Amino acid sequence: MTPEIRAFEFALGLYSVLIGLAIADIAGSVHRLARRKEAVRWDPLALFAAGYALLISIGMWFDLWGVRNFTATRHFFFYICMIAILFLVFLIAAASLPDDPERDSDLRRFYLGNRRYFWLLVALFQLGYLWFGIYFVGGQLDHLDPVQAAEFALQMSVLFIVPIGLAGTPSRSAHYLGLAVLYAVNAWHYAPYAII
């Protein structure tokens, strides 16, 4: 095993903990809600948003594999920035569903009252993700053809602009549409990814 792989595995430890906590928080919230299913007023929009938080968490896990050969990810200040963005992933997951289903058993009301906080966290995450994307793709920009560069710019723009719009509007139709767009863009983004 090369020293670089060992260093990546060491660095991955704390990254893994934060991603695992995010996924565990969503799973725990779903479990608590399911245990009180008779008292809970379910709302598909809240569940789709929680699913999107889960998708962000899993996507970050895949992204970490893609940066395993970048030694910068193991330098202290860069490592702190990576921890900060993963901390945002945890906050997004924690904000996606209520912590106390006895107090917040109406998911529709919970989502409406929580949407601004949730979507601003997502927008802040996407801003950080864009910064990291530019950093990691930056060395390859001269190798991207104009179509690939336009795709990258479009993806990153949509993933930032849509959450900002959702934070600002209470329209449920807009939220369903926005979530559909975010799911589609993420599917497009992650479709070619593989851990090999």
C-alpha atoms as a PDB file:
ATOM      1  CA  MET A   1       0.000   0.000   0.000  1.00  0.00           C
ATOM      2  CA  THR A   2       1.454   3.363  -1.002  1.00  0.00           C
ATOM      3  CA  PRO A   3       1.958   6.167   1.538  1.00  0.00           C
ATOM      4  CA  GLU A   4      -0.593   8.285  -0.378  1.00  0.00           C
ATOM      5  CA  ILE A   5      -3.310   5.627   0.018  1.00  0.00           C
ATOM      6  CA  ARG A   6      -2.574   5.289   3.742  1.00  0.00           C
ATOM      7  CA  ALA A   7      -2.765   9.077   4.142  1.00  0.00           C
ATOM      8  CA  PHE A   8      -6.077   9.161   2.253  1.00  0.00           C
ATOM      9  CA  GLU A   9      -7.477   6.395   4.479  1.00  0.00           C
ATOM     10  CA  PHE A  10      -6.444   8.331   7.578  1.00  0.00           C
ATOM     11  CA  ALA A  11      -7.979  11.566   6.252  1.00  0.00           C
ATOM     12  CA  LEU A  12     -11.121   9.682   5.251  1.00  0.00           C
ATOM     13  CA  GLY A  13     -11.846   8.699   8.853  1.00  0.00           C
ATOM     14  CA  LEU A  14     -13.280  12.014   9.994  1.00  0.00           C
ATOM     15  CA  TYR A  15     -14.978  12.585   6.643  1.00  0.00           C
ATOM     16  CA  SER A  16     -16.688   9.216   7.049  1.00  0.00           C
ATOM     17  CA  VAL A  17     -17.870  10.035  10.556  1.00  0.00           C
ATOM     18  CA  LEU A  18     -19.571  13.255   9.439  1.00  0.00           C
ATOM     19  CA  ILE A  19     -21.235  11.618   6.429  1.00  0.00           C
ATOM     20  CA  GLY A  20     -22.278   8.673   8.597  1.00  0.00           C
ATOM     21  CA  LEU A  21     -23.778  11.012  11.196  1.00  0.00           C
ATOM     22  CA  ALA A  22     -25.764  12.782   8.473  1.00  0.00           C
ATOM     23  CA  ILE A  23     -27.186   9.524   7.142  1.00  0.00           C
ATOM     24  CA  ALA A  24     -27.843   8.237  10.669  1.00  0.00           C
ATOM     25  CA  ASP A  25     -29.707  11.432  11.577  1.00  0.00           C
ATOM     26  CA  ILE A  26     -32.080  11.033   8.627  1.00  0.00           C
ATOM     27  CA  ALA A  27     -32.545   7.332   9.371  1.00  0.00           C
ATOM     28  CA  GLY A  28     -33.212   8.064  13.053  1.00  0.00           C
ATOM     29  CA  SER A  29     -35.759  10.747  12.203  1.00  0.00           C
ATOM     30  CA  VAL A  30     -37.565   8.441   9.770  1.00  0.00           C
ATOM     31  CA  HIS A  31     -37.580   5.713  12.420  1.00  0.00           C
ATOM     32  CA  ARG A  32     -39.059   8.011  15.093  1.00  0.00           C
ATOM     33  CA  LEU A  33     -41.717   9.231  12.667  1.00  0.00           C
ATOM     34  CA  ALA A  34     -42.586   5.695  11.553  1.00  0.00           C
ATOM     35  CA  ARG A  35     -42.992   4.588  15.170  1.00  0.00           C
ATOM     36  CA  ARG A  36     -45.624   7.320  15.648  1.00  0.00           C
ATOM     37  CA  LYS A  37     -47.184   6.838  12.212  1.00  0.00           C
ATOM     38  CA  GLU A  38     -50.771   7.200  13.492  1.00  0.00           C
ATOM     39  CA  ALA A  39     -50.053  10.607  15.014  1.00  0.00           C
ATOM     40  CA  VAL A  40     -47.922  11.904  12.118  1.00  0.00           C
ATOM     41  CA  ARG A  41     -49.426  13.945   9.297  1.00  0.00           C
ATOM     42  CA  TRP A  42     -47.221  12.822   6.425  1.00  0.00           C
ATOM     43  CA  ASP A  43     -46.189  15.179   3.657  1.00  0.00           C
ATOM     44  CA  PRO A  44     -44.494  13.981   0.459  1.00  0.00           C
ATOM     45  CA  LEU A  45     -42.696  17.299   0.007  1.00  0.00           C
ATOM     46  CA  ALA A  46     -40.952  16.990   3.379  1.00  0.00           C
ATOM     47  CA  LEU A  47     -39.975  13.404   2.575  1.00  0.00           C
ATOM     48  CA  PHE A  48     -38.627  14.388  -0.872  1.00  0.00           C
ATOM     49  CA  ALA A  49     -36.538  17.117   0.782  1.00  0.00           C
ATOM     50  CA  ALA A  50     -35.193  14.587   3.304  1.00  0.00           C
ATOM     51  CA  GLY A  51     -34.436  12.264   0.395  1.00  0.00           C
ATOM     52  CA  TYR A  52     -32.506  15.083  -1.238  1.00  0.00           C
ATOM     53  CA  ALA A  53     -30.505  15.563   1.975  1.00  0.00           C
ATOM     54  CA  LEU A  54     -29.730  11.849   1.876  1.00  0.00           C
ATOM     55  CA  LEU A  55     -28.690  12.146  -1.782  1.00  0.00           C
ATOM     56  CA  ILE A  56     -26.293  14.985  -0.896  1.00  0.00           C
ATOM     57  CA  SER A  57     -24.750  12.849   1.853  1.00  0.00           C
ATOM     58  CA  ILE A  58     -24.263   9.816  -0.383  1.00  0.00           C
ATOM     59  CA  GLY A  59     -23.013  12.020  -3.212  1.00  0.00           C
ATOM     60  CA  MET A  60     -20.323  13.450  -0.966  1.00  0.00           C
ATOM     61  CA  TRP A  61     -19.194   9.922  -0.137  1.00  0.00           C
ATOM     62  CA  PHE A  62     -18.740   9.242  -3.862  1.00  0.00           C
ATOM     63  CA  ASP A  63     -17.007  12.597  -4.343  1.00  0.00           C
ATOM     64  CA  LEU A  64     -14.417  11.719  -1.704  1.00  0.00           C
ATOM     65  CA  TRP A  65     -13.255   8.773  -3.778  1.00  0.00           C
ATOM     66  CA  GLY A  66     -12.719  11.111  -6.702  1.00  0.00           C
ATOM     67  CA  VAL A  67     -10.322  13.324  -4.734  1.00  0.00           C
ATOM     68  CA  ARG A  68      -8.247  10.528  -3.199  1.00  0.00           C
ATOM     69  CA  ASN A  69      -5.198  11.417  -5.306  1.00  0.00           C
ATOM     70  CA  PHE A  70      -5.222  15.141  -4.484  1.00  0.00           C
ATOM     71  CA  THR A  71      -2.604  15.645  -1.788  1.00  0.00           C
ATOM     72  CA  ALA A  72      -4.118  19.057  -0.981  1.00  0.00           C
ATOM     73  CA  THR A  73      -7.032  17.284   0.739  1.00  0.00           C
ATOM     74  CA  ARG A  74      -4.583  16.175   3.401  1.00  0.00           C
ATOM     75  CA  HIS A  75      -3.121  19.607   4.205  1.00  0.00           C
ATOM     76  CA  PHE A  76      -4.453  21.039   7.439  1.00  0.00           C
ATOM     77  CA  PHE A  77      -6.311  24.150   6.231  1.00  0.00           C
ATOM     78  CA  PHE A  78      -7.769  22.404   3.211  1.00  0.00           C
ATOM     79  CA  TYR A  79      -8.786  19.533   5.485  1.00  0.00           C
ATOM     80  CA  ILE A  80     -10.579  22.039   7.726  1.00  0.00           C
ATOM     81  CA  CYS A  81     -12.486  23.348   4.680  1.00  0.00           C
ATOM     82  CA  MET A  82     -13.488  19.782   3.770  1.00  0.00           C
ATOM     83  CA  ILE A  83     -14.670  19.198   7.345  1.00  0.00           C
ATOM     84  CA  ALA A  84     -16.657  22.462   7.186  1.00  0.00           C
ATOM     85  CA  ILE A  85     -18.515  21.411   4.036  1.00  0.00           C
ATOM     86  CA  LEU A  86     -19.241  17.990   5.526  1.00  0.00           C
ATOM     87  CA  PHE A  87     -20.458  19.699   8.691  1.00  0.00           C
ATOM     88  CA  LEU A  88     -22.926  21.542   6.431  1.00  0.00           C
ATOM     89  CA  VAL A  89     -23.994  18.171   5.026  1.00  0.00           C
ATOM     90  CA  PHE A  90     -24.756  17.049   8.578  1.00  0.00           C
ATOM     91  CA  LEU A  91     -26.726  20.242   9.303  1.00  0.00           C
ATOM     92  CA  ILE A  92     -28.766  19.748   6.115  1.00  0.00           C
ATOM     93  CA  ALA A  93     -29.557  16.179   7.135  1.00  0.00           C
ATOM     94  CA  ALA A  94     -30.432  17.227  10.686  1.00  0.00           C
ATOM     95  CA  ALA A  95     -32.734  19.981   9.402  1.00  0.00           C
ATOM     96  CA  SER A  96     -34.541  17.780   6.887  1.00  0.00           C
ATOM     97  CA  LEU A  97     -36.944  16.093   9.323  1.00  0.00           C
ATOM     98  CA  PRO A  98     -38.143  16.904  12.845  1.00  0.00           C
ATOM     99  CA  ASP A  99     -36.129  15.657  15.800  1.00  0.00           C
ATOM    100  CA  ASP A 100     -39.171  15.300  18.032  1.00  0.00           C
ATOM    101  CA  PRO A 101     -42.186  13.748  16.274  1.00  0.00           C
ATOM    102  CA  GLU A 102     -44.351  14.375  19.339  1.00  0.00           C
ATOM    103  CA  ARG A 103     -43.838  18.117  18.993  1.00  0.00           C
ATOM    104  CA  ASP A 104     -43.551  18.266  15.182  1.00  0.00           C
ATOM    105  CA  SER A 105     -45.930  15.573  13.979  1.00  0.00           C
ATOM    106  CA  ASP A 106     -47.314  17.641  11.080  1.00  0.00           C
ATOM    107  CA  LEU A 107     -44.632  17.308   8.396  1.00  0.00           C
ATOM    108  CA  ARG A 108     -46.341  19.808   6.117  1.00  0.00           C
ATOM    109  CA  ARG A 109     -46.231  22.494   8.799  1.00  0.00           C
ATOM    110  CA  PHE A 110     -42.679  21.463   9.742  1.00  0.00           C
ATOM    111  CA  TYR A 111     -41.483  21.809   6.151  1.00  0.00           C
ATOM    112  CA  LEU A 112     -43.169  25.179   5.697  1.00  0.00           C
ATOM    113  CA  GLY A 113     -41.649  26.547   8.906  1.00  0.00           C
ATOM    114  CA  ASN A 114     -38.244  25.020   8.253  1.00  0.00           C
ATOM    115  CA  ARG A 115     -37.880  25.505   4.486  1.00  0.00           C
ATOM    116  CA  ARG A 116     -35.902  28.757   4.583  1.00  0.00           C
ATOM    117  CA  TYR A 117     -33.309  27.382   7.016  1.00  0.00           C
ATOM    118  CA  PHE A 118     -33.058  24.063   5.156  1.00  0.00           C
ATOM    119  CA  TRP A 119     -32.693  25.558   1.678  1.00  0.00           C
ATOM    120  CA  LEU A 120     -30.258  28.264   2.772  1.00  0.00           C
ATOM    121  CA  LEU A 121     -28.074  25.507   4.257  1.00  0.00           C
ATOM    122  CA  VAL A 122     -28.309  23.653   0.929  1.00  0.00           C
ATOM    123  CA  ALA A 123     -27.385  26.843  -0.968  1.00  0.00           C
ATOM    124  CA  LEU A 124     -24.423  27.463   1.349  1.00  0.00           C
ATOM    125  CA  PHE A 125     -23.306  23.855   0.847  1.00  0.00           C
ATOM    126  CA  GLN A 126     -23.614  24.255  -2.947  1.00  0.00           C
ATOM    127  CA  LEU A 127     -21.509  27.409  -2.808  1.00  0.00           C
ATOM    128  CA  GLY A 128     -18.778  25.442  -1.016  1.00  0.00           C
ATOM    129  CA  TYR A 129     -19.245  22.522  -3.393  1.00  0.00           C
ATOM    130  CA  LEU A 130     -18.830  24.924  -6.327  1.00  0.00           C
ATOM    131  CA  TRP A 131     -15.611  26.252  -4.810  1.00  0.00           C
ATOM    132  CA  PHE A 132     -14.268  22.714  -4.391  1.00  0.00           C
ATOM    133  CA  GLY A 133     -15.474  21.810  -7.895  1.00  0.00           C
ATOM    134  CA  ILE A 134     -13.593  24.718  -9.416  1.00  0.00           C
ATOM    135  CA  TYR A 135     -10.515  23.801  -7.395  1.00  0.00           C
ATOM    136  CA  PHE A 136     -10.527  20.129  -8.374  1.00  0.00           C
ATOM    137  CA  VAL A 137     -11.577  20.662 -11.992  1.00  0.00           C
ATOM    138  CA  GLY A 138      -9.432  23.786 -12.311  1.00  0.00           C
ATOM    139  CA  GLY A 139      -6.321  21.869 -13.284  1.00  0.00           C
ATOM    140  CA  GLN A 140      -8.315  20.078 -15.972  1.00  0.00           C
ATOM    141  CA  LEU A 141     -10.153  23.082 -17.429  1.00  0.00           C
ATOM    142  CA  ASP A 142      -7.778  23.281 -20.368  1.00  0.00           C
ATOM    143  CA  HIS A 143      -8.622  19.621 -21.137  1.00  0.00           C
ATOM    144  CA  LEU A 144     -12.402  20.165 -21.066  1.00  0.00           C
ATOM    145  CA  ASP A 145     -14.102  20.776 -24.352  1.00  0.00           C
ATOM    146  CA  PRO A 146     -16.549  23.713 -24.458  1.00  0.00           C
ATOM    147  CA  VAL A 147     -19.544  21.381 -24.035  1.00  0.00           C
ATOM    148  CA  GLN A 148     -18.102  19.834 -20.863  1.00  0.00           C
ATOM    149  CA  ALA A 149     -17.246  23.272 -19.476  1.00  0.00           C
ATOM    150  CA  ALA A 150     -20.788  24.483 -20.218  1.00  0.00           C
ATOM    151  CA  GLU A 151     -22.271  21.368 -18.571  1.00  0.00           C
ATOM    152  CA  PHE A 152     -20.158  21.952 -15.448  1.00  0.00           C
ATOM    153  CA  ALA A 153     -21.204  25.622 -15.289  1.00  0.00           C
ATOM    154  CA  LEU A 154     -24.874  24.750 -15.836  1.00  0.00           C
ATOM    155  CA  GLN A 155     -24.885  22.020 -13.182  1.00  0.00           C
ATOM    156  CA  MET A 156     -23.220  24.188 -10.565  1.00  0.00           C
ATOM    157  CA  SER A 157     -25.466  27.169 -11.363  1.00  0.00           C
ATOM    158  CA  VAL A 158     -28.693  25.163 -11.115  1.00  0.00           C
ATOM    159  CA  LEU A 159     -27.595  23.445  -7.896  1.00  0.00           C
ATOM    160  CA  PHE A 160     -27.029  26.872  -6.300  1.00  0.00           C
ATOM    161  CA  ILE A 161     -29.849  28.951  -7.805  1.00  0.00           C
ATOM    162  CA  VAL A 162     -32.695  26.475  -7.207  1.00  0.00           C
ATOM    163  CA  PRO A 163     -32.142  26.239  -3.404  1.00  0.00           C
ATOM    164  CA  ILE A 164     -31.973  30.049  -3.188  1.00  0.00           C
ATOM    165  CA  GLY A 165     -35.306  30.220  -5.022  1.00  0.00           C
ATOM    166  CA  LEU A 166     -36.851  27.552  -2.800  1.00  0.00           C
ATOM    167  CA  ALA A 167     -35.739  29.393   0.336  1.00  0.00           C
ATOM    168  CA  GLY A 168     -37.586  32.462  -0.898  1.00  0.00           C
ATOM    169  CA  THR A 169     -40.920  30.999  -1.992  1.00  0.00           C
ATOM    170  CA  PRO A 170     -43.614  29.186  -0.009  1.00  0.00           C
ATOM    171  CA  SER A 171     -45.235  27.807  -3.197  1.00  0.00           C
ATOM    172  CA  ARG A 172     -45.533  24.031  -2.865  1.00  0.00           C
ATOM    173  CA  SER A 173     -45.682  23.654  -6.651  1.00  0.00           C
ATOM    174  CA  ALA A 174     -42.383  25.506  -6.954  1.00  0.00           C
ATOM    175  CA  HIS A 175     -40.880  23.241  -4.290  1.00  0.00           C
ATOM    176  CA  TYR A 176     -41.994  20.072  -6.073  1.00  0.00           C
ATOM    177  CA  LEU A 177     -40.628  21.421  -9.359  1.00  0.00           C
ATOM    178  CA  GLY A 178     -37.387  22.590  -7.732  1.00  0.00           C
ATOM    179  CA  LEU A 179     -36.826  19.231  -6.068  1.00  0.00           C
ATOM    180  CA  ALA A 180     -37.494  17.429  -9.353  1.00  0.00           C
ATOM    181  CA  VAL A 181     -34.878  19.631 -11.044  1.00  0.00           C
ATOM    182  CA  LEU A 182     -32.359  19.054  -8.237  1.00  0.00           C
ATOM    183  CA  TYR A 183     -32.866  15.279  -8.339  1.00  0.00           C
ATOM    184  CA  ALA A 184     -32.487  15.297 -12.142  1.00  0.00           C
ATOM    185  CA  VAL A 185     -29.310  17.402 -12.099  1.00  0.00           C
ATOM    186  CA  ASN A 186     -27.788  15.194  -9.395  1.00  0.00           C
ATOM    187  CA  ALA A 187     -28.687  12.058 -11.360  1.00  0.00           C
ATOM    188  CA  TRP A 188     -27.011  13.597 -14.406  1.00  0.00           C
ATOM    189  CA  HIS A 189     -23.974  14.619 -12.326  1.00  0.00           C
ATOM    190  CA  TYR A 190     -23.463  11.297 -10.552  1.00  0.00           C
ATOM    191  CA  ALA A 191     -24.504   8.896 -13.328  1.00  0.00           C
ATOM    192  CA  PRO A 192     -20.933   8.350 -14.590  1.00  0.00           C
ATOM    193  CA  TYR A 193     -19.437   7.988 -11.072  1.00  0.00           C
ATOM    194  CA  ALA A 194     -18.111   4.630  -9.904  1.00  0.00           C
ATOM    195  CA  ILE A 195     -15.844   3.478  -7.101  1.00  0.00           C
ATOM    196  CA  ILE A 196     -13.228   1.406  -8.894  1.00  0.00           C
END
